[in-house]
Amino acid sequence: MIYKFTRKAIALEYGANPAPILTAKGEGDMAEAIIAEAKKQGVHIAEDPQLLALLSQLELEEQIPENLYVAVAVVLSWVYWLKGLEPEGYKPK
């Protein structure tokens, strides 16, 4: 039996968009290129196979659906925390 793991990757952009959008996706060599560029740019990489599977169904430049807002927000908050950043317009209580 042969088992081959195919690496998959997606990239999201949030910034000034009303909701995060899918900016890149791929499998195999394309996934490796996405991951390599993310590392080069200092972008944090999260590994969540279930979220990846759901986000991989989107088309490029498509906003994430509302039912994934919470899951993506958790990842984004983790990234902000790791970088010591606060979202634009954030006002602590």
PDB file of N, CA and C in Angstrom:
ATOM      1  N   MET A   1       0.844  -1.163   0.000  1.00  0.00           N
ATOM      2  CA  MET A   1       0.000   0.000   0.000  1.00  0.00           C
ATOM      3  C   MET A   1       0.894   1.232   0.000  1.00  0.00           C
ATOM      4  N   ILE A   2       0.488   2.217  -0.748  1.00  0.00           N
ATOM      5  CA  ILE A   2       1.210   3.492  -0.794  1.00  0.00           C
ATOM      6  C   ILE A   2       0.252   4.589  -0.333  1.00  0.00           C
ATOM      7  N   TYR A   3       0.720   5.382   0.591  1.00  0.00           N
ATOM      8  CA  TYR A   3      -0.069   6.517   1.064  1.00  0.00           C
ATOM      9  C   TYR A   3       0.742   7.763   0.803  1.00  0.00           C
ATOM     10  N   LYS A   4       0.192   8.675   0.048  1.00  0.00           N
ATOM     11  CA  LYS A   4       0.879   9.925  -0.247  1.00  0.00           C
ATOM     12  C   LYS A   4       0.051  11.075   0.287  1.00  0.00           C
ATOM     13  N   PHE A   5       0.676  11.896   1.086  1.00  0.00           N
ATOM     14  CA  PHE A   5       0.026  13.073   1.636  1.00  0.00           C
ATOM     15  C   PHE A   5       0.230  14.226   0.670  1.00  0.00           C
ATOM     16  N   THR A   6      -0.838  14.807   0.195  1.00  0.00           N
ATOM     17  CA  THR A   6      -0.748  15.969  -0.671  1.00  0.00           C
ATOM     18  C   THR A   6      -0.955  17.210   0.180  1.00  0.00           C
ATOM     19  N   ARG A   7       0.014  18.061   0.187  1.00  0.00           N
ATOM     20  CA  ARG A   7      -0.052  19.288   0.972  1.00  0.00           C
ATOM     21  C   ARG A   7      -1.003  20.261   0.294  1.00  0.00           C
ATOM     22  N   LYS A   8      -1.830  20.924   1.082  1.00  0.00           N
ATOM     23  CA  LYS A   8      -2.748  21.937   0.588  1.00  0.00           C
ATOM     24  C   LYS A   8      -2.506  23.216   1.370  1.00  0.00           C
ATOM     25  N   ALA A   9      -2.785  24.345   0.729  1.00  0.00           N
ATOM     26  CA  ALA A   9      -2.635  25.624   1.408  1.00  0.00           C
ATOM     27  C   ALA A   9      -3.606  26.632   0.818  1.00  0.00           C
ATOM     28  N   ILE A  10      -4.025  27.548   1.660  1.00  0.00           N
ATOM     29  CA  ILE A  10      -4.825  28.691   1.214  1.00  0.00           C
ATOM     30  C   ILE A  10      -4.242  29.927   1.884  1.00  0.00           C
ATOM     31  N   ALA A  11      -4.535  31.079   1.324  1.00  0.00           N
ATOM     32  CA  ALA A  11      -4.116  32.345   1.926  1.00  0.00           C
ATOM     33  C   ALA A  11      -5.327  33.261   1.999  1.00  0.00           C
ATOM     34  N   LEU A  12      -5.455  33.932   3.135  1.00  0.00           N
ATOM     35  CA  LEU A  12      -6.531  34.895   3.340  1.00  0.00           C
ATOM     36  C   LEU A  12      -5.942  36.276   3.526  1.00  0.00           C
ATOM     37  N   GLU A  13      -6.685  37.275   3.064  1.00  0.00           N
ATOM     38  CA  GLU A  13      -6.315  38.668   3.295  1.00  0.00           C
ATOM     39  C   GLU A  13      -7.495  39.340   3.974  1.00  0.00           C
ATOM     40  N   TYR A  14      -7.197  40.103   4.988  1.00  0.00           N
ATOM     41  CA  TYR A  14      -8.268  40.787   5.709  1.00  0.00           C
ATOM     42  C   TYR A  14      -8.121  42.283   5.509  1.00  0.00           C
ATOM     43  N   GLY A  15      -7.223  42.918   6.214  1.00  0.00           N
ATOM     44  CA  GLY A  15      -6.962  44.341   6.040  1.00  0.00           C
ATOM     45  C   GLY A  15      -8.205  45.194   6.060  1.00  0.00           C
ATOM     46  N   ALA A  16      -8.401  45.980   5.005  1.00  0.00           N
ATOM     47  CA  ALA A  16      -9.521  46.919   4.923  1.00  0.00           C
ATOM     48  C   ALA A  16     -10.790  46.281   4.346  1.00  0.00           C
ATOM     49  N   ASN A  17     -10.737  45.011   4.033  1.00  0.00           N
ATOM     50  CA  ASN A  17     -11.910  44.329   3.473  1.00  0.00           C
ATOM     51  C   ASN A  17     -12.967  44.149   4.559  1.00  0.00           C
ATOM     52  N   PRO A  18     -14.246  44.161   4.185  1.00  0.00           N
ATOM     53  CA  PRO A  18     -15.293  43.943   5.192  1.00  0.00           C
ATOM     54  C   PRO A  18     -15.228  42.542   5.798  1.00  0.00           C
ATOM     55  N   ALA A  19     -14.714  41.579   5.046  1.00  0.00           N
ATOM     56  CA  ALA A  19     -14.524  40.205   5.527  1.00  0.00           C
ATOM     57  C   ALA A  19     -13.277  39.663   4.844  1.00  0.00           C
ATOM     58  N   PRO A  20     -12.601  38.700   5.471  1.00  0.00           N
ATOM     59  CA  PRO A  20     -11.419  38.123   4.822  1.00  0.00           C
ATOM     60  C   PRO A  20     -11.778  37.516   3.464  1.00  0.00           C
ATOM     61  N   ILE A  21     -10.832  37.636   2.528  1.00  0.00           N
ATOM     62  CA  ILE A  21     -11.035  37.061   1.197  1.00  0.00           C
ATOM     63  C   ILE A  21      -9.931  36.043   0.917  1.00  0.00           C
ATOM     64  N   LEU A  22     -10.261  35.062   0.090  1.00  0.00           N
ATOM     65  CA  LEU A  22      -9.306  34.043  -0.310  1.00  0.00           C
ATOM     66  C   LEU A  22      -8.430  34.621  -1.416  1.00  0.00           C
ATOM     67  N   THR A  23      -7.117  34.699  -1.176  1.00  0.00           N
ATOM     68  CA  THR A  23      -6.216  35.294  -2.160  1.00  0.00           C
ATOM     69  C   THR A  23      -5.336  34.270  -2.870  1.00  0.00           C
ATOM     70  N   ALA A  24      -5.225  33.073  -2.316  1.00  0.00           N
ATOM     71  CA  ALA A  24      -4.431  32.026  -2.973  1.00  0.00           C
ATOM     72  C   ALA A  24      -4.878  30.673  -2.450  1.00  0.00           C
ATOM     73  N   LYS A  25      -4.766  29.667  -3.312  1.00  0.00           N
ATOM     74  CA  LYS A  25      -5.022  28.299  -2.878  1.00  0.00           C
ATOM     75  C   LYS A  25      -4.322  27.354  -3.834  1.00  0.00           C
ATOM     76  N   GLY A  26      -3.942  26.193  -3.305  1.00  0.00           N
ATOM     77  CA  GLY A  26      -3.275  25.233  -4.167  1.00  0.00           C
ATOM     78  C   GLY A  26      -2.946  23.951  -3.430  1.00  0.00           C
ATOM     79  N   GLU A  27      -2.531  22.971  -4.206  1.00  0.00           N
ATOM     80  CA  GLU A  27      -2.117  21.661  -3.687  1.00  0.00           C
ATOM     81  C   GLU A  27      -0.723  21.359  -4.200  1.00  0.00           C
ATOM     82  N   GLY A  28      -0.048  20.457  -3.500  1.00  0.00           N
ATOM     83  CA  GLY A  28       1.258  19.995  -3.948  1.00  0.00           C
ATOM     84  C   GLY A  28       2.272  21.116  -4.060  1.00  0.00           C
ATOM     85  N   ASP A  29       2.888  21.246  -5.248  1.00  0.00           N
ATOM     86  CA  ASP A  29       3.923  22.259  -5.450  1.00  0.00           C
ATOM     87  C   ASP A  29       3.387  23.671  -5.260  1.00  0.00           C
ATOM     88  N   MET A  30       2.155  23.922  -5.689  1.00  0.00           N
ATOM     89  CA  MET A  30       1.561  25.250  -5.513  1.00  0.00           C
ATOM     90  C   MET A  30       1.389  25.551  -4.027  1.00  0.00           C
ATOM     91  N   ALA A  31       0.948  24.572  -3.264  1.00  0.00           N
ATOM     92  CA  ALA A  31       0.803  24.757  -1.814  1.00  0.00           C
ATOM     93  C   ALA A  31       2.153  25.060  -1.181  1.00  0.00           C
ATOM     94  N   GLU A  32       3.179  24.327  -1.594  1.00  0.00           N
ATOM     95  CA  GLU A  32       4.520  24.570  -1.061  1.00  0.00           C
ATOM     96  C   GLU A  32       4.992  25.981  -1.397  1.00  0.00           C
ATOM     97  N   ALA A  33       4.666  26.462  -2.602  1.00  0.00           N
ATOM     98  CA  ALA A  33       5.048  27.819  -3.006  1.00  0.00           C
ATOM     99  C   ALA A  33       4.310  28.866  -2.163  1.00  0.00           C
ATOM    100  N   ILE A  34       3.028  28.631  -1.888  1.00  0.00           N
ATOM    101  CA  ILE A  34       2.250  29.543  -1.052  1.00  0.00           C
ATOM    102  C   ILE A  34       2.850  29.599   0.352  1.00  0.00           C
ATOM    103  N   ILE A  35       3.179  28.441   0.898  1.00  0.00           N
ATOM    104  CA  ILE A  35       3.754  28.367   2.240  1.00  0.00           C
ATOM    105  C   ILE A  35       5.130  29.035   2.273  1.00  0.00           C
ATOM    106  N   ALA A  36       5.948  28.777   1.264  1.00  0.00           N
ATOM    107  CA  ALA A  36       7.288  29.380   1.210  1.00  0.00           C
ATOM    108  C   ALA A  36       7.200  30.904   1.146  1.00  0.00           C
ATOM    109  N   GLU A  37       6.277  31.418   0.330  1.00  0.00           N
ATOM    110  CA  GLU A  37       6.123  32.875   0.223  1.00  0.00           C
ATOM    111  C   GLU A  37       5.612  33.462   1.533  1.00  0.00           C
ATOM    112  N   ALA A  38       4.700  32.764   2.193  1.00  0.00           N
ATOM    113  CA  ALA A  38       4.201  33.235   3.489  1.00  0.00           C
ATOM    114  C   ALA A  38       5.340  33.331   4.489  1.00  0.00           C
ATOM    115  N   LYS A  39       6.173  32.313   4.539  1.00  0.00           N
ATOM    116  CA  LYS A  39       7.320  32.327   5.462  1.00  0.00           C
ATOM    117  C   LYS A  39       8.264  33.471   5.117  1.00  0.00           C
ATOM    118  N   LYS A  40       8.510  33.659   3.826  1.00  0.00           N
ATOM    119  CA  LYS A  40       9.403  34.727   3.367  1.00  0.00           C
ATOM    120  C   LYS A  40       8.880  36.100   3.783  1.00  0.00           C
ATOM    121  N   GLN A  41       7.553  36.274   3.732  1.00  0.00           N
ATOM    122  CA  GLN A  41       6.925  37.549   4.063  1.00  0.00           C
ATOM    123  C   GLN A  41       6.656  37.703   5.564  1.00  0.00           C
ATOM    124  N   GLY A  42       6.976  36.682   6.346  1.00  0.00           N
ATOM    125  CA  GLY A  42       6.739  36.757   7.789  1.00  0.00           C
ATOM    126  C   GLY A  42       5.282  36.544   8.172  1.00  0.00           C
ATOM    127  N   VAL A  43       4.528  35.884   7.295  1.00  0.00           N
ATOM    128  CA  VAL A  43       3.115  35.609   7.557  1.00  0.00           C
ATOM    129  C   VAL A  43       3.030  34.341   8.403  1.00  0.00           C
ATOM    130  N   HIS A  44       2.253  34.402   9.465  1.00  0.00           N
ATOM    131  CA  HIS A  44       2.095  33.225  10.324  1.00  0.00           C
ATOM    132  C   HIS A  44       1.255  32.172   9.615  1.00  0.00           C
ATOM    133  N   ILE A  45       1.590  30.928   9.863  1.00  0.00           N
ATOM    134  CA  ILE A  45       0.911  29.804   9.212  1.00  0.00           C
ATOM    135  C   ILE A  45       0.177  29.002  10.279  1.00  0.00           C
ATOM    136  N   ALA A  46      -1.115  28.837  10.069  1.00  0.00           N
ATOM    137  CA  ALA A  46      -1.946  28.036  10.967  1.00  0.00           C
ATOM    138  C   ALA A  46      -2.269  26.724  10.261  1.00  0.00           C
ATOM    139  N   GLU A  47      -2.285  25.647  11.022  1.00  0.00           N
ATOM    140  CA  GLU A  47      -2.622  24.344  10.450  1.00  0.00           C
ATOM    141  C   GLU A  47      -3.919  23.860  11.074  1.00  0.00           C
ATOM    142  N   ASP A  48      -4.966  23.874  10.275  1.00  0.00           N
ATOM    143  CA  ASP A  48      -6.289  23.436  10.704  1.00  0.00           C
ATOM    144  C   ASP A  48      -6.929  22.728   9.510  1.00  0.00           C
ATOM    145  N   PRO A  49      -6.787  21.407   9.421  1.00  0.00           N
ATOM    146  CA  PRO A  49      -7.280  20.671   8.247  1.00  0.00           C
ATOM    147  C   PRO A  49      -8.768  20.865   7.962  1.00  0.00           C
ATOM    148  N   GLN A  50      -9.584  20.961   8.993  1.00  0.00           N
ATOM    149  CA  GLN A  50     -11.023  21.133   8.765  1.00  0.00           C
ATOM    150  C   GLN A  50     -11.336  22.510   8.188  1.00  0.00           C
ATOM    151  N   LEU A  51     -10.715  23.547   8.747  1.00  0.00           N
ATOM    152  CA  LEU A  51     -10.932  24.894   8.230  1.00  0.00           C
ATOM    153  C   LEU A  51     -10.362  25.009   6.821  1.00  0.00           C
ATOM    154  N   LEU A  52      -9.208  24.406   6.592  1.00  0.00           N
ATOM    155  CA  LEU A  52      -8.609  24.397   5.255  1.00  0.00           C
ATOM    156  C   LEU A  52      -9.553  23.762   4.240  1.00  0.00           C
ATOM    157  N   ALA A  53     -10.160  22.648   4.591  1.00  0.00           N
ATOM    158  CA  ALA A  53     -11.071  21.965   3.674  1.00  0.00           C
ATOM    159  C   ALA A  53     -12.260  22.851   3.311  1.00  0.00           C
ATOM    160  N   LEU A  54     -12.789  23.555   4.298  1.00  0.00           N
ATOM    161  CA  LEU A  54     -13.934  24.437   4.042  1.00  0.00           C
ATOM    162  C   LEU A  54     -13.532  25.651   3.209  1.00  0.00           C
ATOM    163  N   LEU A  55     -12.408  26.265   3.551  1.00  0.00           N
ATOM    164  CA  LEU A  55     -11.970  27.461   2.822  1.00  0.00           C
ATOM    165  C   LEU A  55     -11.499  27.126   1.415  1.00  0.00           C
ATOM    166  N   SER A  56     -11.026  25.909   1.200  1.00  0.00           N
ATOM    167  CA  SER A  56     -10.569  25.494  -0.130  1.00  0.00           C
ATOM    168  C   SER A  56     -11.711  25.428  -1.139  1.00  0.00           C
ATOM    169  N   GLN A  57     -12.933  25.380  -0.662  1.00  0.00           N
ATOM    170  CA  GLN A  57     -14.090  25.333  -1.550  1.00  0.00           C
ATOM    171  C   GLN A  57     -14.412  26.690  -2.161  1.00  0.00           C
ATOM    172  N   LEU A  58     -13.829  27.754  -1.603  1.00  0.00           N
ATOM    173  CA  LEU A  58     -14.084  29.099  -2.117  1.00  0.00           C
ATOM    174  C   LEU A  58     -13.300  29.342  -3.404  1.00  0.00           C
ATOM    175  N   GLU A  59     -13.786  30.288  -4.185  1.00  0.00           N
ATOM    176  CA  GLU A  59     -13.070  30.732  -5.377  1.00  0.00           C
ATOM    177  C   GLU A  59     -12.121  31.858  -4.974  1.00  0.00           C
ATOM    178  N   LEU A  60     -11.071  32.072  -5.764  1.00  0.00           N
ATOM    179  CA  LEU A  60     -10.152  33.171  -5.486  1.00  0.00           C
ATOM    180  C   LEU A  60     -10.904  34.500  -5.468  1.00  0.00           C
ATOM    181  N   GLU A  61     -10.506  35.373  -4.564  1.00  0.00           N
ATOM    182  CA  GLU A  61     -11.089  36.702  -4.353  1.00  0.00           C
ATOM    183  C   GLU A  61     -12.500  36.654  -3.760  1.00  0.00           C
ATOM    184  N   GLU A  62     -12.941  35.482  -3.334  1.00  0.00           N
ATOM    185  CA  GLU A  62     -14.254  35.346  -2.707  1.00  0.00           C
ATOM    186  C   GLU A  62     -14.128  35.582  -1.202  1.00  0.00           C
ATOM    187  N   GLN A  63     -15.099  36.320  -0.642  1.00  0.00           N
ATOM    188  CA  GLN A  63     -15.122  36.535   0.805  1.00  0.00           C
ATOM    189  C   GLN A  63     -15.505  35.245   1.510  1.00  0.00           C
ATOM    190  N   ILE A  64     -14.974  35.080   2.716  1.00  0.00           N
ATOM    191  CA  ILE A  64     -15.359  33.899   3.480  1.00  0.00           C
ATOM    192  C   ILE A  64     -16.841  34.010   3.840  1.00  0.00           C
ATOM    193  N   PRO A  65     -17.543  32.900   3.910  1.00  0.00           N
ATOM    194  CA  PRO A  65     -18.964  32.940   4.276  1.00  0.00           C
ATOM    195  C   PRO A  65     -19.130  33.235   5.770  1.00  0.00           C
ATOM    196  N   GLU A  66     -20.273  33.784   6.110  1.00  0.00           N
ATOM    197  CA  GLU A  66     -20.551  34.169   7.498  1.00  0.00           C
ATOM    198  C   GLU A  66     -20.404  33.003   8.471  1.00  0.00           C
ATOM    199  N   ASN A  67     -20.744  31.797   8.036  1.00  0.00           N
ATOM    200  CA  ASN A  67     -20.658  30.656   8.961  1.00  0.00           C
ATOM    201  C   ASN A  67     -19.219  30.315   9.345  1.00  0.00           C
ATOM    202  N   LEU A  68     -18.226  30.912   8.682  1.00  0.00           N
ATOM    203  CA  LEU A  68     -16.825  30.679   9.040  1.00  0.00           C
ATOM    204  C   LEU A  68     -16.184  31.879   9.741  1.00  0.00           C
ATOM    205  N   TYR A  69     -16.961  32.941   9.981  1.00  0.00           N
ATOM    206  CA  TYR A  69     -16.406  34.145  10.621  1.00  0.00           C
ATOM    207  C   TYR A  69     -15.738  33.825  11.956  1.00  0.00           C
ATOM    208  N   VAL A  70     -16.398  33.065  12.804  1.00  0.00           N
ATOM    209  CA  VAL A  70     -15.854  32.800  14.137  1.00  0.00           C
ATOM    210  C   VAL A  70     -14.557  31.998  14.036  1.00  0.00           C
ATOM    211  N   ALA A  71     -14.541  30.966  13.215  1.00  0.00           N
ATOM    212  CA  ALA A  71     -13.335  30.138  13.083  1.00  0.00           C
ATOM    213  C   ALA A  71     -12.162  30.958  12.558  1.00  0.00           C
ATOM    214  N   VAL A  72     -12.409  31.785  11.562  1.00  0.00           N
ATOM    215  CA  VAL A  72     -11.335  32.610  11.000  1.00  0.00           C
ATOM    216  C   VAL A  72     -10.933  33.697  12.003  1.00  0.00           C
ATOM    217  N   ALA A  73     -11.904  34.245  12.729  1.00  0.00           N
ATOM    218  CA  ALA A  73     -11.585  35.267  13.738  1.00  0.00           C
ATOM    219  C   ALA A  73     -10.668  34.708  14.825  1.00  0.00           C
ATOM    220  N   VAL A  74     -10.864  33.461  15.193  1.00  0.00           N
ATOM    221  CA  VAL A  74      -9.989  32.828  16.196  1.00  0.00           C
ATOM    222  C   VAL A  74      -8.556  32.777  15.671  1.00  0.00           C
ATOM    223  N   VAL A  75      -8.397  32.378  14.418  1.00  0.00           N
ATOM    224  CA  VAL A  75      -7.059  32.306  13.821  1.00  0.00           C
ATOM    225  C   VAL A  75      -6.454  33.701  13.725  1.00  0.00           C
ATOM    226  N   LEU A  76      -7.244  34.676  13.261  1.00  0.00           N
ATOM    227  CA  LEU A  76      -6.734  36.046  13.142  1.00  0.00           C
ATOM    228  C   LEU A  76      -6.346  36.623  14.493  1.00  0.00           C
ATOM    229  N   SER A  77      -7.143  36.357  15.523  1.00  0.00           N
ATOM    230  CA  SER A  77      -6.808  36.880  16.848  1.00  0.00           C
ATOM    231  C   SER A  77      -5.516  36.256  17.357  1.00  0.00           C
ATOM    232  N   TRP A  78      -5.302  34.980  17.054  1.00  0.00           N
ATOM    233  CA  TRP A  78      -4.057  34.305  17.421  1.00  0.00           C
ATOM    234  C   TRP A  78      -2.869  34.982  16.739  1.00  0.00           C
ATOM    235  N   VAL A  79      -3.019  35.285  15.442  1.00  0.00           N
ATOM    236  CA  VAL A  79      -1.941  35.938  14.690  1.00  0.00           C
ATOM    237  C   VAL A  79      -1.667  37.329  15.245  1.00  0.00           C
ATOM    238  N   TYR A  80      -2.728  38.097  15.499  1.00  0.00           N
ATOM    239  CA  TYR A  80      -2.544  39.435  16.076  1.00  0.00           C
ATOM    240  C   TYR A  80      -1.811  39.330  17.406  1.00  0.00           C
ATOM    241  N   TRP A  81      -2.199  38.387  18.234  1.00  0.00           N
ATOM    242  CA  TRP A  81      -1.577  38.212  19.545  1.00  0.00           C
ATOM    243  C   TRP A  81      -0.094  37.869  19.393  1.00  0.00           C
ATOM    244  N   LEU A  82       0.225  36.936  18.469  1.00  0.00           N
ATOM    245  CA  LEU A  82       1.620  36.551  18.254  1.00  0.00           C
ATOM    246  C   LEU A  82       2.482  37.726  17.804  1.00  0.00           C
ATOM    247  N   LYS A  83       1.894  38.605  16.992  1.00  0.00           N
ATOM    248  CA  LYS A  83       2.645  39.751  16.466  1.00  0.00           C
ATOM    249  C   LYS A  83       2.606  40.956  17.413  1.00  0.00           C
ATOM    250  N   GLY A  84       1.811  40.845  18.494  1.00  0.00           N
ATOM    251  CA  GLY A  84       1.693  41.975  19.407  1.00  0.00           C
ATOM    252  C   GLY A  84       0.914  43.134  18.809  1.00  0.00           C
ATOM    253  N   LEU A  85      -0.012  42.844  17.917  1.00  0.00           N
ATOM    254  CA  LEU A  85      -0.799  43.876  17.224  1.00  0.00           C
ATOM    255  C   LEU A  85      -2.223  43.935  17.765  1.00  0.00           C
ATOM    256  N   GLU A  86      -2.887  45.020  17.423  1.00  0.00           N
ATOM    257  CA  GLU A  86      -4.315  45.162  17.700  1.00  0.00           C
ATOM    258  C   GLU A  86      -5.003  45.502  16.389  1.00  0.00           C
ATOM    259  N   PRO A  87      -6.210  44.997  16.175  1.00  0.00           N
ATOM    260  CA  PRO A  87      -6.938  45.332  14.950  1.00  0.00           C
ATOM    261  C   PRO A  87      -7.167  46.840  14.857  1.00  0.00           C
ATOM    262  N   GLU A  88      -7.192  47.353  13.644  1.00  0.00           N
ATOM    263  CA  GLU A  88      -7.442  48.781  13.421  1.00  0.00           C
ATOM    264  C   GLU A  88      -8.778  49.172  14.030  1.00  0.00           C
ATOM    265  N   GLY A  89      -8.793  50.248  14.754  1.00  0.00           N
ATOM    266  CA  GLY A  89     -10.032  50.722  15.373  1.00  0.00           C
ATOM    267  C   GLY A  89     -10.359  50.061  16.698  1.00  0.00           C
ATOM    268  N   TYR A  90      -9.516  49.132  17.151  1.00  0.00           N
ATOM    269  CA  TYR A  90      -9.751  48.429  18.423  1.00  0.00           C
ATOM    270  C   TYR A  90      -9.563  49.379  19.587  1.00  0.00           C
ATOM    271  N   LYS A  91     -10.530  49.387  20.482  1.00  0.00           N
ATOM    272  CA  LYS A  91     -10.446  50.204  21.686  1.00  0.00           C
ATOM    273  C   LYS A  91     -10.694  49.316  22.886  1.00  0.00           C
ATOM    274  N   PRO A  92      -9.639  49.078  23.677  1.00  0.00           N
ATOM    275  CA  PRO A  92      -9.833  48.219  24.864  1.00  0.00           C
ATOM    276  C   PRO A  92     -10.793  48.857  25.846  1.00  0.00           C
ATOM    277  N   LYS A  93     -11.507  47.998  26.575  1.00  0.00           N
ATOM    278  CA  LYS A  93     -12.491  48.490  27.544  1.00  0.00           C
ATOM    279  C   LYS A  93     -11.827  48.888  28.822  1.00  0.00           C
TER     280      LYS A  93
END
